[in-house]
Amino acid sequence: MFCIKTEIPQEVCEIDDELKAIYHSKDSVCIWVLKTREDRNRFLDETAGMLKDQREIFFENFYKL
């Protein structure tokens, strides 16, 4: 297990983990929050293999709240 110490805003911590999709690279960690667990699972399936920028565009086009 790898742990990276950082400060996560409380409002993000309060969101159900099953609604969060998490991506990381060598210089960033991104957390996308979706409306339902099904949306989160579909987002993960549909964006598998995408880079961060591609996932951001995909989220904006299909899942932005």
PDB file of N, CA and C in Angstrom:
ATOM      1  N   MET A   1       0.847  -1.173   0.000  1.00  0.00           N
ATOM      2  CA  MET A   1       0.000   0.000   0.000  1.00  0.00           C
ATOM      3  C   MET A   1       0.890   1.232   0.000  1.00  0.00           C
ATOM      4  N   PHE A   2       0.475   2.242  -0.740  1.00  0.00           N
ATOM      5  CA  PHE A   2       1.183   3.517  -0.785  1.00  0.00           C
ATOM      6  C   PHE A   2       0.273   4.589  -0.196  1.00  0.00           C
ATOM      7  N   CYS A   3       0.808   5.387   0.674  1.00  0.00           N
ATOM      8  CA  CYS A   3       0.062   6.507   1.256  1.00  0.00           C
ATOM      9  C   CYS A   3       0.824   7.794   0.962  1.00  0.00           C
ATOM     10  N   ILE A   4       0.100   8.794   0.476  1.00  0.00           N
ATOM     11  CA  ILE A   4       0.680  10.097   0.192  1.00  0.00           C
ATOM     12  C   ILE A   4      -0.033  11.096   1.086  1.00  0.00           C
ATOM     13  N   LYS A   5       0.698  11.711   1.974  1.00  0.00           N
ATOM     14  CA  LYS A   5       0.094  12.645   2.919  1.00  0.00           C
ATOM     15  C   LYS A   5      -0.315  13.919   2.190  1.00  0.00           C
ATOM     16  N   THR A   6      -1.569  14.285   2.395  1.00  0.00           N
ATOM     17  CA  THR A   6      -2.103  15.510   1.819  1.00  0.00           C
ATOM     18  C   THR A   6      -3.319  15.931   2.633  1.00  0.00           C
ATOM     19  N   GLU A   7      -3.790  17.110   2.399  1.00  0.00           N
ATOM     20  CA  GLU A   7      -4.991  17.576   3.067  1.00  0.00           C
ATOM     21  C   GLU A   7      -6.150  17.542   2.076  1.00  0.00           C
ATOM     22  N   ILE A   8      -7.128  16.701   2.369  1.00  0.00           N
ATOM     23  CA  ILE A   8      -8.321  16.578   1.537  1.00  0.00           C
ATOM     24  C   ILE A   8      -9.420  17.407   2.206  1.00  0.00           C
ATOM     25  N   PRO A   9     -10.103  18.269   1.449  1.00  0.00           N
ATOM     26  CA  PRO A   9     -11.176  19.068   2.039  1.00  0.00           C
ATOM     27  C   PRO A   9     -12.246  18.177   2.673  1.00  0.00           C
ATOM     28  N   GLN A  10     -12.790  18.598   3.790  1.00  0.00           N
ATOM     29  CA  GLN A  10     -13.785  17.816   4.524  1.00  0.00           C
ATOM     30  C   GLN A  10     -14.986  17.470   3.650  1.00  0.00           C
ATOM     31  N   GLU A  11     -15.424  18.401   2.793  1.00  0.00           N
ATOM     32  CA  GLU A  11     -16.602  18.127   1.964  1.00  0.00           C
ATOM     33  C   GLU A  11     -16.360  16.953   1.007  1.00  0.00           C
ATOM     34  N   VAL A  12     -15.117  16.747   0.592  1.00  0.00           N
ATOM     35  CA  VAL A  12     -14.794  15.583  -0.248  1.00  0.00           C
ATOM     36  C   VAL A  12     -14.813  14.315   0.598  1.00  0.00           C
ATOM     37  N   CYS A  13     -14.314  14.390   1.818  1.00  0.00           N
ATOM     38  CA  CYS A  13     -14.294  13.225   2.718  1.00  0.00           C
ATOM     39  C   CYS A  13     -15.702  12.760   3.060  1.00  0.00           C
ATOM     40  N   GLU A  14     -16.648  13.681   3.101  1.00  0.00           N
ATOM     41  CA  GLU A  14     -18.016  13.346   3.481  1.00  0.00           C
ATOM     42  C   GLU A  14     -18.804  12.671   2.364  1.00  0.00           C
ATOM     43  N   ILE A  15     -18.314  12.712   1.136  1.00  0.00           N
ATOM     44  CA  ILE A  15     -19.001  12.088   0.003  1.00  0.00           C
ATOM     45  C   ILE A  15     -18.765  10.586   0.057  1.00  0.00           C
ATOM     46  N   ASP A  16     -19.818   9.834  -0.188  1.00  0.00           N
ATOM     47  CA  ASP A  16     -19.736   8.373  -0.202  1.00  0.00           C
ATOM     48  C   ASP A  16     -18.639   7.925  -1.165  1.00  0.00           C
ATOM     49  N   ASP A  17     -17.749   7.068  -0.688  1.00  0.00           N
ATOM     50  CA  ASP A  17     -16.630   6.600  -1.509  1.00  0.00           C
ATOM     51  C   ASP A  17     -17.087   5.912  -2.787  1.00  0.00           C
ATOM     52  N   GLU A  18     -18.257   5.304  -2.775  1.00  0.00           N
ATOM     53  CA  GLU A  18     -18.751   4.608  -3.965  1.00  0.00           C
ATOM     54  C   GLU A  18     -19.155   5.566  -5.079  1.00  0.00           C
ATOM     55  N   LEU A  19     -19.169   6.873  -4.792  1.00  0.00           N
ATOM     56  CA  LEU A  19     -19.495   7.874  -5.809  1.00  0.00           C
ATOM     57  C   LEU A  19     -18.246   8.551  -6.373  1.00  0.00           C
ATOM     58  N   LYS A  20     -17.071   8.180  -5.856  1.00  0.00           N
ATOM     59  CA  LYS A  20     -15.820   8.822  -6.266  1.00  0.00           C
ATOM     60  C   LYS A  20     -15.037   7.937  -7.211  1.00  0.00           C
ATOM     61  N   ALA A  21     -14.523   8.545  -8.267  1.00  0.00           N
ATOM     62  CA  ALA A  21     -13.576   7.881  -9.163  1.00  0.00           C
ATOM     63  C   ALA A  21     -12.254   8.608  -8.984  1.00  0.00           C
ATOM     64  N   ILE A  22     -11.199   7.872  -8.690  1.00  0.00           N
ATOM     65  CA  ILE A  22      -9.911   8.478  -8.373  1.00  0.00           C
ATOM     66  C   ILE A  22      -8.876   8.098  -9.423  1.00  0.00           C
ATOM     67  N   TYR A  23      -8.135   9.098  -9.887  1.00  0.00           N
ATOM     68  CA  TYR A  23      -7.085   8.922 -10.875  1.00  0.00           C
ATOM     69  C   TYR A  23      -5.830   9.567 -10.314  1.00  0.00           C
ATOM     70  N   HIS A  24      -4.691   8.981 -10.605  1.00  0.00           N
ATOM     71  CA  HIS A  24      -3.445   9.610 -10.180  1.00  0.00           C
ATOM     72  C   HIS A  24      -2.389   9.459 -11.275  1.00  0.00           C
ATOM     73  N   SER A  25      -1.487  10.390 -11.271  1.00  0.00           N
ATOM     74  CA  SER A  25      -0.305  10.318 -12.129  1.00  0.00           C
ATOM     75  C   SER A  25       0.878  10.684 -11.239  1.00  0.00           C
ATOM     76  N   LYS A  26       2.022  10.890 -11.839  1.00  0.00           N
ATOM     77  CA  LYS A  26       3.186  11.197 -11.005  1.00  0.00           C
ATOM     78  C   LYS A  26       3.108  12.571 -10.355  1.00  0.00           C
ATOM     79  N   ASP A  27       2.219  13.451 -10.842  1.00  0.00           N
ATOM     80  CA  ASP A  27       2.181  14.795 -10.273  1.00  0.00           C
ATOM     81  C   ASP A  27       0.792  15.276  -9.850  1.00  0.00           C
ATOM     82  N   SER A  28      -0.218  14.394  -9.888  1.00  0.00           N
ATOM     83  CA  SER A  28      -1.546  14.850  -9.481  1.00  0.00           C
ATOM     84  C   SER A  28      -2.433  13.679  -9.073  1.00  0.00           C
ATOM     85  N   VAL A  29      -3.448  14.019  -8.287  1.00  0.00           N
ATOM     86  CA  VAL A  29      -4.504  13.081  -7.921  1.00  0.00           C
ATOM     87  C   VAL A  29      -5.811  13.792  -8.241  1.00  0.00           C
ATOM     88  N   CYS A  30      -6.687  13.134  -8.987  1.00  0.00           N
ATOM     89  CA  CYS A  30      -7.978  13.711  -9.365  1.00  0.00           C
ATOM     90  C   CYS A  30      -9.089  12.858  -8.764  1.00  0.00           C
ATOM     91  N   ILE A  31     -10.123  13.514  -8.273  1.00  0.00           N
ATOM     92  CA  ILE A  31     -11.281  12.821  -7.733  1.00  0.00           C
ATOM     93  C   ILE A  31     -12.513  13.340  -8.470  1.00  0.00           C
ATOM     94  N   TRP A  32     -13.145  12.451  -9.218  1.00  0.00           N
ATOM     95  CA  TRP A  32     -14.393  12.792  -9.879  1.00  0.00           C
ATOM     96  C   TRP A  32     -15.523  12.277  -9.006  1.00  0.00           C
ATOM     97  N   VAL A  33     -16.570  13.084  -8.825  1.00  0.00           N
ATOM     98  CA  VAL A  33     -17.721  12.685  -8.024  1.00  0.00           C
ATOM     99  C   VAL A  33     -18.911  12.544  -8.968  1.00  0.00           C
ATOM    100  N   LEU A  34     -19.536  11.375  -8.904  1.00  0.00           N
ATOM    101  CA  LEU A  34     -20.665  11.082  -9.777  1.00  0.00           C
ATOM    102  C   LEU A  34     -21.940  10.934  -8.964  1.00  0.00           C
ATOM    103  N   LYS A  35     -23.088  10.970  -9.641  1.00  0.00           N
ATOM    104  CA  LYS A  35     -24.379  10.971  -8.950  1.00  0.00           C
ATOM    105  C   LYS A  35     -24.718   9.629  -8.323  1.00  0.00           C
ATOM    106  N   THR A  36     -24.393   8.539  -9.004  1.00  0.00           N
ATOM    107  CA  THR A  36     -24.759   7.210  -8.513  1.00  0.00           C
ATOM    108  C   THR A  36     -23.564   6.265  -8.614  1.00  0.00           C
ATOM    109  N   ARG A  37     -23.651   5.164  -7.904  1.00  0.00           N
ATOM    110  CA  ARG A  37     -22.616   4.129  -7.976  1.00  0.00           C
ATOM    111  C   ARG A  37     -22.543   3.570  -9.398  1.00  0.00           C
ATOM    112  N   GLU A  38     -23.704   3.424 -10.036  1.00  0.00           N
ATOM    113  CA  GLU A  38     -23.745   2.921 -11.402  1.00  0.00           C
ATOM    114  C   GLU A  38     -23.025   3.877 -12.359  1.00  0.00           C
ATOM    115  N   ASP A  39     -23.234   5.202 -12.182  1.00  0.00           N
ATOM    116  CA  ASP A  39     -22.526   6.195 -12.997  1.00  0.00           C
ATOM    117  C   ASP A  39     -21.021   6.082 -12.778  1.00  0.00           C
ATOM    118  N   ARG A  40     -20.614   5.937 -11.521  1.00  0.00           N
ATOM    119  CA  ARG A  40     -19.189   5.814 -11.213  1.00  0.00           C
ATOM    120  C   ARG A  40     -18.597   4.586 -11.895  1.00  0.00           C
ATOM    121  N   ASN A  41     -19.269   3.451 -11.786  1.00  0.00           N
ATOM    122  CA  ASN A  41     -18.752   2.228 -12.399  1.00  0.00           C
ATOM    123  C   ASN A  41     -18.698   2.351 -13.921  1.00  0.00           C
ATOM    124  N   ARG A  42     -19.740   2.960 -14.516  1.00  0.00           N
ATOM    125  CA  ARG A  42     -19.758   3.148 -15.969  1.00  0.00           C
ATOM    126  C   ARG A  42     -18.633   4.104 -16.391  1.00  0.00           C
ATOM    127  N   PHE A  43     -18.436   5.184 -15.629  1.00  0.00           N
ATOM    128  CA  PHE A  43     -17.357   6.134 -15.924  1.00  0.00           C
ATOM    129  C   PHE A  43     -16.004   5.424 -15.910  1.00  0.00           C
ATOM    130  N   LEU A  44     -15.767   4.595 -14.890  1.00  0.00           N
ATOM    131  CA  LEU A  44     -14.506   3.864 -14.814  1.00  0.00           C
ATOM    132  C   LEU A  44     -14.342   2.924 -15.996  1.00  0.00           C
ATOM    133  N   ASP A  45     -15.403   2.215 -16.353  1.00  0.00           N
ATOM    134  CA  ASP A  45     -15.332   1.294 -17.496  1.00  0.00           C
ATOM    135  C   ASP A  45     -15.086   2.047 -18.803  1.00  0.00           C
ATOM    136  N   GLU A  46     -15.797   3.152 -18.994  1.00  0.00           N
ATOM    137  CA  GLU A  46     -15.712   3.896 -20.257  1.00  0.00           C
ATOM    138  C   GLU A  46     -14.407   4.659 -20.415  1.00  0.00           C
ATOM    139  N   THR A  47     -13.741   4.975 -19.306  1.00  0.00           N
ATOM    140  CA  THR A  47     -12.513   5.769 -19.394  1.00  0.00           C
ATOM    141  C   THR A  47     -11.249   4.953 -19.109  1.00  0.00           C
ATOM    142  N   ALA A  48     -11.404   3.644 -18.996  1.00  0.00           N
ATOM    143  CA  ALA A  48     -10.235   2.784 -18.747  1.00  0.00           C
ATOM    144  C   ALA A  48      -9.186   3.022 -19.831  1.00  0.00           C
ATOM    145  N   GLY A  49      -7.961   3.272 -19.422  1.00  0.00           N
ATOM    146  CA  GLY A  49      -6.867   3.491 -20.354  1.00  0.00           C
ATOM    147  C   GLY A  49      -6.700   4.932 -20.819  1.00  0.00           C
ATOM    148  N   MET A  50      -7.628   5.804 -20.466  1.00  0.00           N
ATOM    149  CA  MET A  50      -7.516   7.213 -20.867  1.00  0.00           C
ATOM    150  C   MET A  50      -6.542   7.949 -19.963  1.00  0.00           C
ATOM    151  N   LEU A  51      -5.914   8.973 -20.512  1.00  0.00           N
ATOM    152  CA  LEU A  51      -5.088   9.878 -19.727  1.00  0.00           C
ATOM    153  C   LEU A  51      -5.986  10.895 -19.021  1.00  0.00           C
ATOM    154  N   LYS A  52      -5.422  11.606 -18.061  1.00  0.00           N
ATOM    155  CA  LYS A  52      -6.178  12.560 -17.256  1.00  0.00           C
ATOM    156  C   LYS A  52      -6.948  13.560 -18.118  1.00  0.00           C
ATOM    157  N   ASP A  53      -6.299  14.169 -19.085  1.00  0.00           N
ATOM    158  CA  ASP A  53      -6.964  15.173 -19.918  1.00  0.00           C
ATOM    159  C   ASP A  53      -8.143  14.583 -20.673  1.00  0.00           C
ATOM    160  N   GLN A  54      -7.985  13.364 -21.173  1.00  0.00           N
ATOM    161  CA  GLN A  54      -9.078  12.699 -21.878  1.00  0.00           C
ATOM    162  C   GLN A  54     -10.238  12.416 -20.933  1.00  0.00           C
ATOM    163  N   ARG A  55      -9.927  11.976 -19.707  1.00  0.00           N
ATOM    164  CA  ARG A  55     -10.983  11.707 -18.732  1.00  0.00           C
ATOM    165  C   ARG A  55     -11.703  12.988 -18.346  1.00  0.00           C
ATOM    166  N   GLU A  56     -10.974  14.083 -18.205  1.00  0.00           N
ATOM    167  CA  GLU A  56     -11.610  15.358 -17.857  1.00  0.00           C
ATOM    168  C   GLU A  56     -12.612  15.767 -18.930  1.00  0.00           C
ATOM    169  N   ILE A  57     -12.229  15.657 -20.177  1.00  0.00           N
ATOM    170  CA  ILE A  57     -13.121  16.009 -21.285  1.00  0.00           C
ATOM    171  C   ILE A  57     -14.330  15.081 -21.305  1.00  0.00           C
ATOM    172  N   PHE A  58     -14.090  13.792 -21.138  1.00  0.00           N
ATOM    173  CA  PHE A  58     -15.169  12.811 -21.135  1.00  0.00           C
ATOM    174  C   PHE A  58     -16.155  13.126 -20.019  1.00  0.00           C
ATOM    175  N   PHE A  59     -15.646  13.411 -18.816  1.00  0.00           N
ATOM    176  CA  PHE A  59     -16.522  13.752 -17.682  1.00  0.00           C
ATOM    177  C   PHE A  59     -17.350  14.990 -17.986  1.00  0.00           C
ATOM    178  N   GLU A  60     -16.703  16.029 -18.502  1.00  0.00           N
ATOM    179  CA  GLU A  60     -17.407  17.271 -18.826  1.00  0.00           C
ATOM    180  C   GLU A  60     -18.535  17.026 -19.847  1.00  0.00           C
ATOM    181  N   ASN A  61     -18.280  16.167 -20.814  1.00  0.00           N
ATOM    182  CA  ASN A  61     -19.260  15.910 -21.869  1.00  0.00           C
ATOM    183  C   ASN A  61     -20.409  15.017 -21.434  1.00  0.00           C
ATOM    184  N   PHE A  62     -20.182  14.099 -20.525  1.00  0.00           N
ATOM    185  CA  PHE A  62     -21.185  13.088 -20.230  1.00  0.00           C
ATOM    186  C   PHE A  62     -21.683  13.029 -18.784  1.00  0.00           C
ATOM    187  N   TYR A  63     -20.934  13.587 -17.825  1.00  0.00           N
ATOM    188  CA  TYR A  63     -21.282  13.387 -16.429  1.00  0.00           C
ATOM    189  C   TYR A  63     -21.323  14.638 -15.574  1.00  0.00           C
ATOM    190  N   LYS A  64     -20.946  15.771 -16.102  1.00  0.00           N
ATOM    191  CA  LYS A  64     -20.890  16.971 -15.260  1.00  0.00           C
ATOM    192  C   LYS A  64     -22.234  17.211 -14.599  1.00  0.00           C
ATOM    193  N   LEU A  65     -22.181  17.449 -13.287  1.00  0.00           N
ATOM    194  CA  LEU A  65     -23.416  17.636 -12.502  1.00  0.00           C
ATOM    195  C   LEU A  65     -24.065  18.955 -12.785  1.00  0.00           C
TER     196      LEU A  65
END
